[in-house]
Protein backbone atom coordinates (compact mmCIF):
# COMPACT_ATOMS: atom_id res chain seq x y z
CA MET A 1 7.70 68.93 38.27
CA THR A 2 9.93 72.20 38.99
CA PRO A 3 8.80 73.98 42.05
CA GLU A 4 6.62 76.51 40.25
CA MET A 5 4.08 77.68 42.73
CA PHE A 6 0.93 79.24 41.43
CA ILE A 7 -0.17 81.56 44.26
CA PRO A 8 -3.88 82.10 44.38
CA LYS A 9 -5.14 85.83 43.98
CA ARG A 10 -6.62 87.60 47.01
CA ASN A 11 -9.36 90.13 45.84
CA GLY A 12 -8.19 89.63 42.38
CA THR A 13 -4.54 90.25 43.02
CA THR A 14 -1.61 88.06 43.89
CA HIS A 15 0.47 88.65 47.01
CA ALA A 16 2.88 90.77 45.20
CA GLU A 17 0.17 93.15 43.98
CA ALA A 18 -1.42 93.23 47.35
CA ASP A 19 1.73 94.67 48.79
CA THR A 20 1.27 97.64 46.61
CA VAL A 21 -2.21 98.34 47.52
CA PRO A 22 -2.61 101.47 49.94
CA ASN A 23 -3.95 100.83 53.23
CA ILE A 24 -7.55 102.11 52.96
CA PRO A 25 -9.51 102.47 56.35
CA PHE A 26 -12.89 100.88 56.56
CA PRO A 27 -15.93 103.21 56.67
CA ALA A 28 -17.69 104.06 59.80
CA ALA A 29 -20.26 101.65 61.39
CA ARG A 30 -23.72 102.27 60.27
CA THR A 31 -26.59 102.16 62.79
CA GLN A 32 -29.66 100.50 62.16
CA PRO A 33 -33.30 101.63 63.56
CA GLY A 34 -33.72 99.86 66.79
CA ASP A 35 -30.21 99.48 67.60
CA SER A 36 -29.36 100.71 71.04
CA ALA A 37 -25.72 101.58 70.30
CA PRO A 38 -23.81 101.85 67.30
CA HIS A 39 -21.60 99.02 66.07
CA ALA A 40 -18.10 99.39 67.19
CA PRO A 41 -15.66 100.18 64.21
CA PRO A 42 -13.45 97.18 63.30
CA PRO A 43 -9.87 97.57 64.21
CA ALA A 44 -7.60 99.16 61.61
CA LEU A 45 -5.72 96.88 59.37
CA ALA A 46 -2.12 96.45 60.14
CA THR A 47 -0.08 98.50 58.08
CA THR A 48 2.94 95.94 58.46
CA PRO A 49 3.53 94.29 55.14
CA PRO A 50 3.13 90.19 55.13
CA GLU A 51 6.15 88.15 54.91
CA ALA A 52 7.55 87.67 51.36
CA VAL A 53 6.23 84.26 49.54
CA PRO A 54 8.45 83.01 46.68
CA VAL A 55 6.82 83.20 43.24
CA ALA A 56 7.74 80.92 40.29
CA ALA A 57 9.58 82.30 37.27
CA PRO A 58 7.73 82.68 34.11
CA ARG A 59 7.94 79.55 31.60
CA THR A 60 10.11 79.44 28.72
CA ALA A 61 9.28 78.15 25.22
CA GLY A 62 11.53 75.13 25.75
CA GLY A 63 9.75 73.95 28.97
CA ARG A 64 6.31 74.32 27.41
CA ALA A 65 7.46 72.23 24.26
CA ARG A 66 8.69 69.44 26.56
CA ALA A 67 5.66 69.52 28.69
CA PHE A 68 3.54 69.16 25.42
CA PHE A 69 5.71 66.43 24.02
CA TRP A 70 5.49 64.22 27.26
CA ARG A 71 1.59 64.93 27.44
CA THR A 72 1.44 63.68 23.80
CA VAL A 73 3.50 60.68 24.41
CA ARG A 74 1.33 59.68 27.44
CA ARG A 75 -1.81 60.24 25.58
CA ALA A 76 -0.49 57.96 22.47
CA ALA A 77 0.60 55.27 24.83
CA ALA A 78 -2.70 55.26 26.49
CA LEU A 79 -4.45 55.18 23.14
CA VAL A 80 -2.02 52.32 21.99
CA LEU A 81 -2.67 50.38 25.13
CA LEU A 82 -6.49 50.89 24.62
CA ALA A 83 -6.31 49.86 21.17
CA ALA A 84 -4.23 46.61 22.10
CA ALA A 85 -6.80 45.82 24.62
CA ALA A 86 -9.52 46.33 22.25
CA TRP A 87 -7.66 44.11 19.64
CA CYS A 88 -7.06 41.38 22.18
CA TRP A 89 -10.74 41.57 23.28
CA ALA A 90 -12.35 41.99 19.84
CA VAL A 91 -10.18 39.65 17.46
CA PRO A 92 -10.84 36.51 19.36
CA PHE A 93 -14.49 37.40 19.89
CA PHE A 94 -15.11 37.95 16.10
CA PHE A 95 -12.53 35.79 14.56
CA PRO A 96 -11.52 32.09 15.30
CA VAL A 97 -8.19 32.48 17.21
CA THR A 98 -6.56 30.10 19.48
CA GLY A 99 -3.33 29.74 21.29
CA ARG A 100 -3.60 26.12 21.79
CA ALA A 101 -1.77 24.94 18.75
CA VAL A 102 1.44 23.08 18.12
CA VAL A 103 3.35 21.92 15.00
CA ASN A 104 2.78 18.25 14.80
CA ALA A 105 3.54 15.27 12.40
CA ARG A 106 2.37 11.65 11.64
CA THR A 107 4.36 9.08 13.17
CA VAL A 108 5.07 5.46 12.01
CA GLN A 109 6.07 2.73 14.36
CA VAL A 110 8.68 0.17 13.13
CA ARG A 111 8.02 -3.05 14.92
CA ALA A 112 10.04 -6.17 15.12
CA PRO A 113 8.79 -8.66 12.41
CA ILE A 114 9.95 -11.72 14.43
CA ALA A 115 10.84 -12.69 18.14
CA GLY A 116 14.61 -12.47 18.34
CA THR A 117 17.58 -10.40 19.23
CA ILE A 118 18.21 -7.02 17.66
CA THR A 119 21.65 -7.34 15.90
CA ALA A 120 21.80 -3.93 14.28
CA LEU A 121 20.10 -0.63 14.71
CA ALA A 122 21.18 1.99 12.10
CA ALA A 123 20.00 5.42 13.76
CA LYS A 124 19.76 7.09 16.98
CA VAL A 125 17.01 9.46 18.18
CA GLY A 126 17.11 12.67 15.91
CA ASP A 127 18.82 10.88 13.16
CA GLY A 128 17.37 11.49 9.70
CA VAL A 129 16.56 8.23 7.77
CA GLU A 130 15.51 7.64 4.08
CA ALA A 131 12.64 5.37 3.05
CA GLY A 132 13.77 1.97 1.99
CA ARG A 133 17.21 2.10 3.80
CA PRO A 134 18.00 -0.75 6.39
CA LEU A 135 16.94 0.55 9.90
CA VAL A 136 16.54 -2.43 12.11
CA HIS A 137 17.89 -6.08 11.83
CA VAL A 138 16.50 -8.88 14.07
CA SER A 139 17.97 -12.34 14.25
CA SER A 140 16.40 -15.59 15.86
CA THR A 141 17.86 -19.08 16.34
CA ARG A 142 14.68 -20.64 17.86
CA ILE A 143 12.72 -21.63 14.53
CA ASP A 144 10.75 -24.58 14.11
CA THR A 145 11.88 -26.13 10.70
CA THR A 146 9.95 -29.59 11.06
CA PHE A 147 7.47 -28.58 8.43
CA LEU A 148 10.24 -27.41 6.03
CA GLU A 149 12.04 -30.83 6.60
CA THR A 150 8.85 -32.72 5.85
CA LEU A 151 8.64 -30.62 2.50
CA ARG A 152 12.09 -31.37 1.64
CA THR A 153 11.46 -35.16 2.34
CA ARG A 154 8.64 -35.13 0.15
CA ALA A 155 10.31 -33.23 -2.61
CA SER A 156 13.03 -35.92 -2.43
CA GLU A 157 10.63 -38.84 -2.66
CA LEU A 158 8.85 -37.08 -5.59
CA ALA A 159 12.28 -36.53 -7.41
CA ALA A 160 13.24 -40.28 -6.82
CA ARG A 161 9.62 -41.38 -7.97
CA ARG A 162 10.02 -39.19 -11.11
CA ASP A 163 13.38 -40.60 -11.91
CA ARG A 164 12.15 -44.07 -11.63
CA LEU A 165 8.95 -43.30 -13.80
CA GLU A 166 11.10 -41.69 -16.35
CA ARG A 167 13.49 -44.61 -16.43
CA ASP A 168 10.54 -47.15 -16.72
CA LEU A 169 8.96 -45.15 -19.26
CA ARG A 170 12.38 -45.00 -21.46
CA GLU A 171 12.54 -48.74 -20.85
CA MET A 172 8.93 -49.40 -21.94
CA THR A 173 9.11 -47.08 -24.94
CA ALA A 174 12.31 -48.85 -26.01
CA ARG A 175 10.86 -52.42 -25.29
CA GLU A 176 7.86 -51.33 -27.39
CA ALA A 177 9.77 -49.97 -30.01
CA ALA A 178 11.63 -53.38 -30.07
CA GLY A 179 8.56 -55.23 -30.07
CA ARG A 180 7.00 -53.16 -32.90
CA ALA A 181 10.19 -53.83 -34.95
CA ARG A 182 9.94 -57.66 -34.28
CA LEU A 183 6.31 -57.64 -35.19
CA ASP A 184 7.03 -55.61 -38.43
CA ALA A 185 9.62 -58.11 -39.30
CA TYR A 186 7.36 -61.16 -38.44
CA THR A 187 4.62 -59.50 -40.48
CA ARG A 188 6.81 -59.21 -43.45
CA ALA A 189 7.78 -62.69 -43.03
CA VAL A 190 4.17 -63.85 -43.02
CA VAL A 191 3.29 -61.62 -45.83
CA ALA A 192 6.16 -62.93 -47.93
CA ASN A 193 5.04 -66.46 -47.06
CA LEU A 194 1.45 -65.99 -47.93
CA GLU A 195 2.31 -64.06 -51.20
CA ALA A 196 4.29 -67.33 -52.15
CA ALA A 197 1.39 -69.39 -51.24
CA ARG A 198 -0.84 -67.19 -53.14
CA ARG A 199 1.43 -67.41 -56.33
CA GLU A 200 1.45 -71.16 -55.72
CA GLY A 201 -2.25 -71.23 -55.50
CA GLU A 202 -2.65 -69.24 -58.57
CA ALA A 203 -0.41 -71.71 -60.34
CA ARG A 204 -2.61 -74.58 -59.11
CA VAL A 205 -5.76 -73.04 -60.16
CA ALA A 206 -4.25 -72.42 -63.62
CA ILE A 207 -3.25 -76.02 -63.73
CA ALA A 208 -6.46 -77.28 -62.52
CA ARG A 209 -8.31 -75.09 -65.10
CA THR A 210 -5.83 -76.23 -67.94
CA GLU A 211 -6.63 -79.93 -66.77
CA ALA A 212 -10.36 -79.26 -66.68
CA ALA A 213 -10.36 -77.73 -70.12
CA GLY A 214 -8.49 -80.80 -71.33
CA ALA A 215 -10.99 -83.19 -69.63
CA ASP A 216 -13.87 -81.15 -71.29
CA ARG A 217 -12.26 -81.53 -74.67
CA ARG A 218 -11.86 -85.35 -74.25
CA LEU A 219 -15.35 -85.56 -72.94
CA ALA A 220 -16.56 -83.62 -76.17
CA ASN A 221 -14.75 -86.13 -78.34
CA PHE A 222 -15.94 -89.06 -76.54
CA ASP A 223 -19.53 -87.82 -76.84
CA GLU A 224 -19.09 -87.80 -80.57
CA LEU A 225 -17.51 -91.26 -80.58
CA ALA A 226 -20.21 -92.57 -78.21
CA ASP A 227 -22.92 -91.28 -80.61
CA ARG A 228 -21.27 -93.36 -83.44
CA ASN A 229 -20.70 -96.10 -81.03
CA VAL A 230 -17.09 -96.09 -81.52
CA VAL A 231 -16.32 -96.15 -77.71
CA SER A 232 -17.80 -98.24 -75.14
CA THR A 233 -20.37 -96.73 -72.61
CA LEU A 234 -18.13 -97.53 -69.85
CA GLU A 235 -15.15 -95.58 -71.18
CA HIS A 236 -17.51 -92.79 -71.89
CA GLY A 237 -18.63 -92.67 -68.45
CA ASP A 238 -15.08 -92.55 -67.12
CA ASN A 239 -14.34 -89.45 -69.38
CA LYS A 240 -17.39 -87.73 -67.85
CA ASP A 241 -16.26 -88.55 -64.31
CA GLY A 242 -12.72 -87.27 -65.16
CA ALA A 243 -14.11 -83.93 -66.43
CA ALA A 244 -16.34 -83.42 -63.48
CA LEU A 245 -13.23 -84.26 -61.28
CA ALA A 246 -11.17 -81.74 -62.99
CA ARG A 247 -13.76 -78.90 -62.64
CA GLY A 248 -14.06 -79.82 -58.92
CA ARG A 249 -10.31 -79.40 -58.56
CA VAL A 250 -10.47 -76.03 -60.21
CA ALA A 251 -13.17 -75.00 -57.64
CA LEU A 252 -10.97 -76.29 -54.86
CA GLU A 253 -7.80 -74.57 -55.93
CA ALA A 254 -9.75 -71.45 -56.39
CA ALA A 255 -11.12 -71.73 -52.82
CA ALA A 256 -7.65 -72.24 -51.46
CA LEU A 257 -6.32 -69.21 -53.51
CA GLU A 258 -9.12 -67.13 -52.10
CA LYS A 259 -8.30 -68.06 -48.57
CA THR A 260 -4.63 -67.47 -49.10
CA GLN A 261 -5.53 -63.86 -50.41
CA LYS A 262 -7.71 -63.24 -47.51
CA GLU A 263 -4.78 -64.22 -45.11
CA LEU A 264 -2.41 -62.07 -47.11
CA ASP A 265 -4.60 -59.11 -46.70
CA ALA A 266 -5.18 -59.52 -42.98
CA ALA A 267 -1.42 -60.14 -42.44
CA ALA A 268 -0.75 -56.96 -44.24
CA ARG A 269 -3.07 -55.22 -41.70
CA GLY A 270 -1.23 -56.96 -38.79
CA LEU A 271 -3.90 -59.61 -38.44
CA PHE A 272 -3.05 -63.32 -38.42
CA LEU A 273 -6.07 -65.28 -39.10
CA ASN A 274 -4.84 -68.92 -38.95
CA ARG A 275 -1.79 -68.17 -36.73
CA ASP A 276 -1.50 -67.67 -33.07
CA ALA A 277 -0.54 -63.87 -32.16
CA PRO A 278 3.18 -63.61 -31.91
CA LEU A 279 4.92 -62.76 -28.54
CA ALA A 280 6.11 -59.52 -30.04
CA GLN A 281 2.63 -58.47 -30.99
CA THR A 282 1.38 -59.20 -27.44
CA GLN A 283 4.19 -57.35 -25.78
CA ALA A 284 3.89 -54.40 -28.09
CA GLU A 285 0.26 -54.20 -27.40
CA GLU A 286 0.65 -54.45 -23.68
CA LEU A 287 3.24 -51.74 -23.66
CA ALA A 288 1.14 -49.53 -25.98
CA VAL A 289 -1.37 -49.65 -23.02
CA ARG A 290 1.16 -49.19 -20.28
CA ILE A 291 3.01 -46.26 -21.73
CA PRO A 292 0.25 -43.73 -21.71
CA LYS A 293 -0.52 -44.69 -18.14
CA ALA A 294 3.04 -44.23 -17.14
CA ARG A 295 3.08 -40.79 -18.84
CA THR A 296 -0.09 -39.83 -17.06
CA GLU A 297 1.45 -40.84 -13.71
CA LEU A 298 4.74 -39.08 -14.56
CA ASP A 299 2.89 -35.88 -15.44
CA GLU A 300 1.16 -36.06 -12.07
CA VAL A 301 4.37 -36.67 -10.32
CA TYR A 302 5.99 -33.65 -12.18
CA GLN A 303 2.92 -31.41 -11.06
CA LEU A 304 3.42 -32.62 -7.51
CA GLN A 305 7.14 -31.89 -7.66
CA VAL A 306 6.40 -28.26 -8.97
CA ALA A 307 3.91 -27.71 -6.13
CA VAL A 308 6.06 -29.04 -3.43
CA GLY A 309 9.17 -27.42 -4.86
CA LEU A 310 7.20 -23.92 -4.66
CA ALA A 311 5.99 -24.89 -1.20
CA VAL A 312 9.59 -25.54 -0.11
CA GLY A 313 10.85 -22.31 -1.45
CA GLU A 314 8.13 -20.48 0.41
CA GLU A 315 8.91 -22.37 3.50
CA GLU A 316 12.49 -21.61 3.02
CA ARG A 317 11.74 -17.90 2.69
CA ARG A 318 9.56 -17.94 5.69
CA VAL A 319 12.37 -19.56 7.79
CA GLY A 320 14.70 -17.05 6.31
CA ARG A 321 12.54 -14.22 7.43
CA LEU A 322 12.19 -15.73 10.78
CA ALA A 323 15.81 -16.25 11.15
CA GLU A 324 17.07 -13.09 9.62
CA ALA A 325 14.59 -10.22 9.42
CA PRO A 326 16.03 -6.82 8.04
CA VAL A 327 13.61 -3.99 8.38
CA PRO A 328 13.83 -0.92 6.17
CA ALA A 329 12.58 2.44 6.89
CA PRO A 330 8.97 2.77 5.78
CA VAL A 331 9.11 6.39 5.29
CA SER A 332 11.57 9.28 5.19
CA GLY A 333 11.88 11.17 8.35
CA VAL A 334 13.58 11.45 11.60
CA VAL A 335 13.86 8.98 14.50
CA TRP A 336 11.41 10.36 17.03
CA LYS A 337 11.59 7.54 19.61
CA ARG A 338 13.75 4.54 20.08
CA ALA A 339 12.50 1.76 22.30
CA GLY A 340 15.00 -0.86 21.51
CA ASN A 341 18.85 -1.23 21.55
CA PRO A 342 21.36 -3.46 20.01
CA ASP A 343 21.57 -6.87 21.67
CA GLN A 344 18.09 -6.39 23.13
CA VAL A 345 15.56 -9.40 22.86
CA VAL A 346 12.30 -8.28 21.34
CA ALA A 347 9.04 -10.00 20.96
CA HIS A 348 7.19 -10.28 17.87
CA ASN A 349 5.48 -7.23 16.64
CA GLU A 350 6.98 -5.24 19.56
CA PRO A 351 7.82 -1.51 18.80
CA VAL A 352 11.42 -0.69 18.11
CA VAL A 353 11.50 2.70 16.51
CA GLU A 354 9.14 5.42 15.93
CA LEU A 355 9.68 7.81 12.94
CA VAL A 356 8.27 11.08 12.29
CA ASP A 357 7.27 11.33 8.62
CA ARG A 358 8.77 14.47 7.20
CA ASP A 359 6.17 14.74 4.49
CA ALA A 360 3.26 14.86 7.00
CA VAL A 361 3.95 17.92 9.07
CA PHE A 362 0.89 19.82 10.00
CA VAL A 363 -0.69 22.22 12.78
CA GLU A 364 -3.04 20.65 15.30
CA ALA A 365 -5.10 23.38 16.97
CA LEU A 366 -8.02 23.23 19.54
CA LEU A 367 -10.72 25.82 19.11
CA HIS A 368 -13.95 26.55 20.94
CA GLN A 369 -16.98 25.06 19.44
CA ARG A 370 -18.53 28.36 19.21
CA HIS A 371 -16.57 28.79 15.92
CA LEU A 372 -17.81 25.58 14.11
CA SER A 373 -20.11 27.81 12.06
CA SER A 374 -17.25 29.77 10.56
CA VAL A 375 -14.67 27.01 10.35
CA ALA A 376 -14.56 24.29 7.86
CA ALA A 377 -12.08 22.35 5.63
CA GLY A 378 -10.39 24.79 3.10
CA CYS A 379 -10.40 27.79 5.44
CA ARG A 380 -7.24 29.99 5.30
CA ALA A 381 -4.97 29.76 8.54
CA THR A 382 -2.27 32.21 9.76
CA VAL A 383 0.21 30.50 12.01
CA ASN A 384 2.45 32.58 14.19
CA LEU A 385 5.05 30.40 15.65
CA THR A 386 6.91 30.96 18.79
CA GLY A 387 10.13 32.50 17.79
CA GLY A 388 9.02 34.97 15.26
CA ARG A 389 8.27 32.90 12.08
CA THR A 390 4.77 33.23 10.43
CA LEU A 391 3.39 30.60 8.26
CA THR A 392 0.21 30.05 6.29
CA GLY A 393 -1.79 27.09 5.40
CA ARG A 394 -5.33 25.56 4.89
CA VAL A 395 -7.71 23.63 7.28
CA LEU A 396 -7.50 19.91 6.43
CA ALA A 397 -10.35 18.71 8.74
CA VAL A 398 -12.44 19.75 11.66
CA ARG A 399 -13.07 16.97 14.20
CA THR A 400 -15.32 16.98 17.05
CA PRO A 401 -14.43 14.71 20.30
CA ASN A 402 -15.13 11.06 19.83
CA PRO A 403 -14.00 8.83 22.73
CA TYR A 404 -14.59 5.86 20.40
CA GLU A 405 -12.28 6.97 17.55
CA SER A 406 -8.84 5.66 17.32
CA GLU A 407 -6.33 8.49 17.47
CA GLN A 408 -3.99 8.99 14.61
CA ALA A 409 -0.37 8.18 15.54
CA VAL A 410 1.16 11.62 15.85
CA ALA A 411 4.44 12.86 17.59
CA LEU A 412 2.48 15.12 20.09
CA SER A 413 -0.69 14.68 21.87
CA LEU A 414 -2.61 18.10 22.32
CA SER A 415 -6.11 16.88 22.86
CA ASP A 416 -7.58 16.91 26.52
CA HIS A 417 -10.77 15.44 25.76
CA ASP A 418 -12.61 18.80 26.52
CA VAL A 419 -16.00 18.25 24.89
CA ARG A 420 -16.09 22.04 24.27
CA GLN A 421 -13.13 21.99 21.96
CA VAL A 422 -12.81 20.85 18.41
CA LYS A 423 -9.60 19.76 16.80
CA VAL A 424 -8.55 21.49 13.76
CA LEU A 425 -5.84 20.08 11.36
CA ILE A 426 -4.03 22.65 9.36
CA ALA A 427 -1.62 21.69 6.29
CA PHE A 428 0.96 24.18 5.67
CA ASP A 429 1.39 25.92 2.26
CA PRO A 430 4.34 24.87 0.07
CA PRO A 431 7.11 24.80 0.80
CA VAL A 432 6.23 22.61 3.74
CA PRO A 433 8.56 23.47 6.74
CA ASP A 434 11.13 20.81 7.96
CA ILE A 435 10.55 18.65 10.85
CA THR A 436 12.56 20.64 13.14
CA LEU A 437 9.41 22.77 13.88
CA ILE A 438 7.75 19.74 15.42
CA GLY A 439 6.75 20.72 18.99
CA ARG A 440 6.66 24.45 18.31
CA HIS A 441 3.76 26.03 19.89
CA ALA A 442 1.82 28.55 17.78
CA ARG A 443 -1.06 30.94 17.92
CA VAL A 444 -3.51 30.35 14.89
CA LEU A 445 -5.88 32.82 13.18
CA LEU A 446 -8.59 31.15 10.92
CA THR A 447 -10.22 33.16 7.96
CA PRO A 448 -12.61 32.09 5.26
CA GLU A 449 -11.54 30.17 2.33
CA GLU A 450 -12.09 33.27 0.08
CA PRO A 451 -11.11 36.12 2.50
CA GLY A 452 -12.59 39.58 2.12
CA PRO A 453 -10.69 42.95 2.63
CA LEU A 454 -11.48 42.89 6.40
CA ASP A 455 -10.35 39.31 6.88
CA ARG A 456 -7.09 40.10 4.89
CA ALA A 457 -6.58 43.20 7.00
CA VAL A 458 -7.06 41.36 10.20
CA ALA A 459 -4.69 38.47 9.11
CA TRP A 460 -2.01 41.08 8.04
CA ALA A 461 -2.17 42.69 11.52
CA PHE A 462 -2.30 39.35 13.43
CA ALA A 463 0.83 38.33 11.54
CA ARG A 464 2.57 41.44 12.37
CA LEU A 465 1.29 42.26 15.88
CA ARG A 466 1.70 38.50 16.92
CA MET A 467 -0.88 38.89 19.67
């Protein structure tokens, strides 16, 4: 401040004015009753003027304007600071706000499928990978192939047995066909012979009947002659016997013809009544029984061979997986951690690479439990990231601490197992930011799922004031 001195007035005037006032003497002292002597008059005022005091020059219009401006600035700054203090106190008190938040993402561990040596590792920490692309290759030479060799031996035995059965079946089929052909030829010969015998029998029957007819006619003639006593009784009796013999011969030849006909009918059906069964028939019948059994056994061997072949293929694939195990990237993302290196020996199911899933980026925030009544899945979230970027999203889930619950595999661990805090998972609104934001700390404001005017105004101010 400029050295402007405001001089206090004396008796209503400044020092400058007092210099112009005349020197007035004090009145004479008054006596009071009972006083023994009058008071002595005060000494007279000195007439020597006092020393000169510097007086400030009167203000100009510019000085008053500057003073008013700076007073206004100071008052505005005080109001701003007061409003900021009120904002910082009121907003976290009335709205769910937390500064314990971080951009996180789900991680996926790629483990060694077999015990062996890492022969190829296609990515370093920070490299991007695409789902399905080769990522890790593990090789192993210490593989037990005993079961595979046993299966292969069994498959070879079944193949040899099948070849033998097929060969035997072909031979039996050929032998049975040859036997059937021989039997057919024999049957045809027998039938032809019996047909000739039948014709011979028919001729004999015809002759016997003719002879019987002639004997009957002679007997009739002798009967007439005997009635007239022309022939002797003895001769008549011989004719009677001859006629009876002729009729008996007819019956005998007819019976033989009938027998021949029955043999012929049986032979036509493959039955030989008065002959031993031919060797061709015996062999054909035996082969007819053996061939179905051979076919059944061949079918069983074929089914066993198919089953063993499938087992051999499966075991070969298993051994191949144990010997050479390429592992593709399960998700698209970025290599977050790499525990293995080329030519490193790893155990079965040992973690080699940890990937960050680029499609599973979210915000993990810790919030005091006093806000549980106003925070739920679906609430809107305003996320102020460090660095000046503001994003929005929605609450996926609100989880209270549970020491017995297995934690989800994530890139960063934010929880400190404080029972007063709840974990809030927030999904970003589309488009989802890239994984370069993982690990970025943030300050989060949560508003209802259907925010009102006040909620929208607070969210707007929160995003712009970034407090």
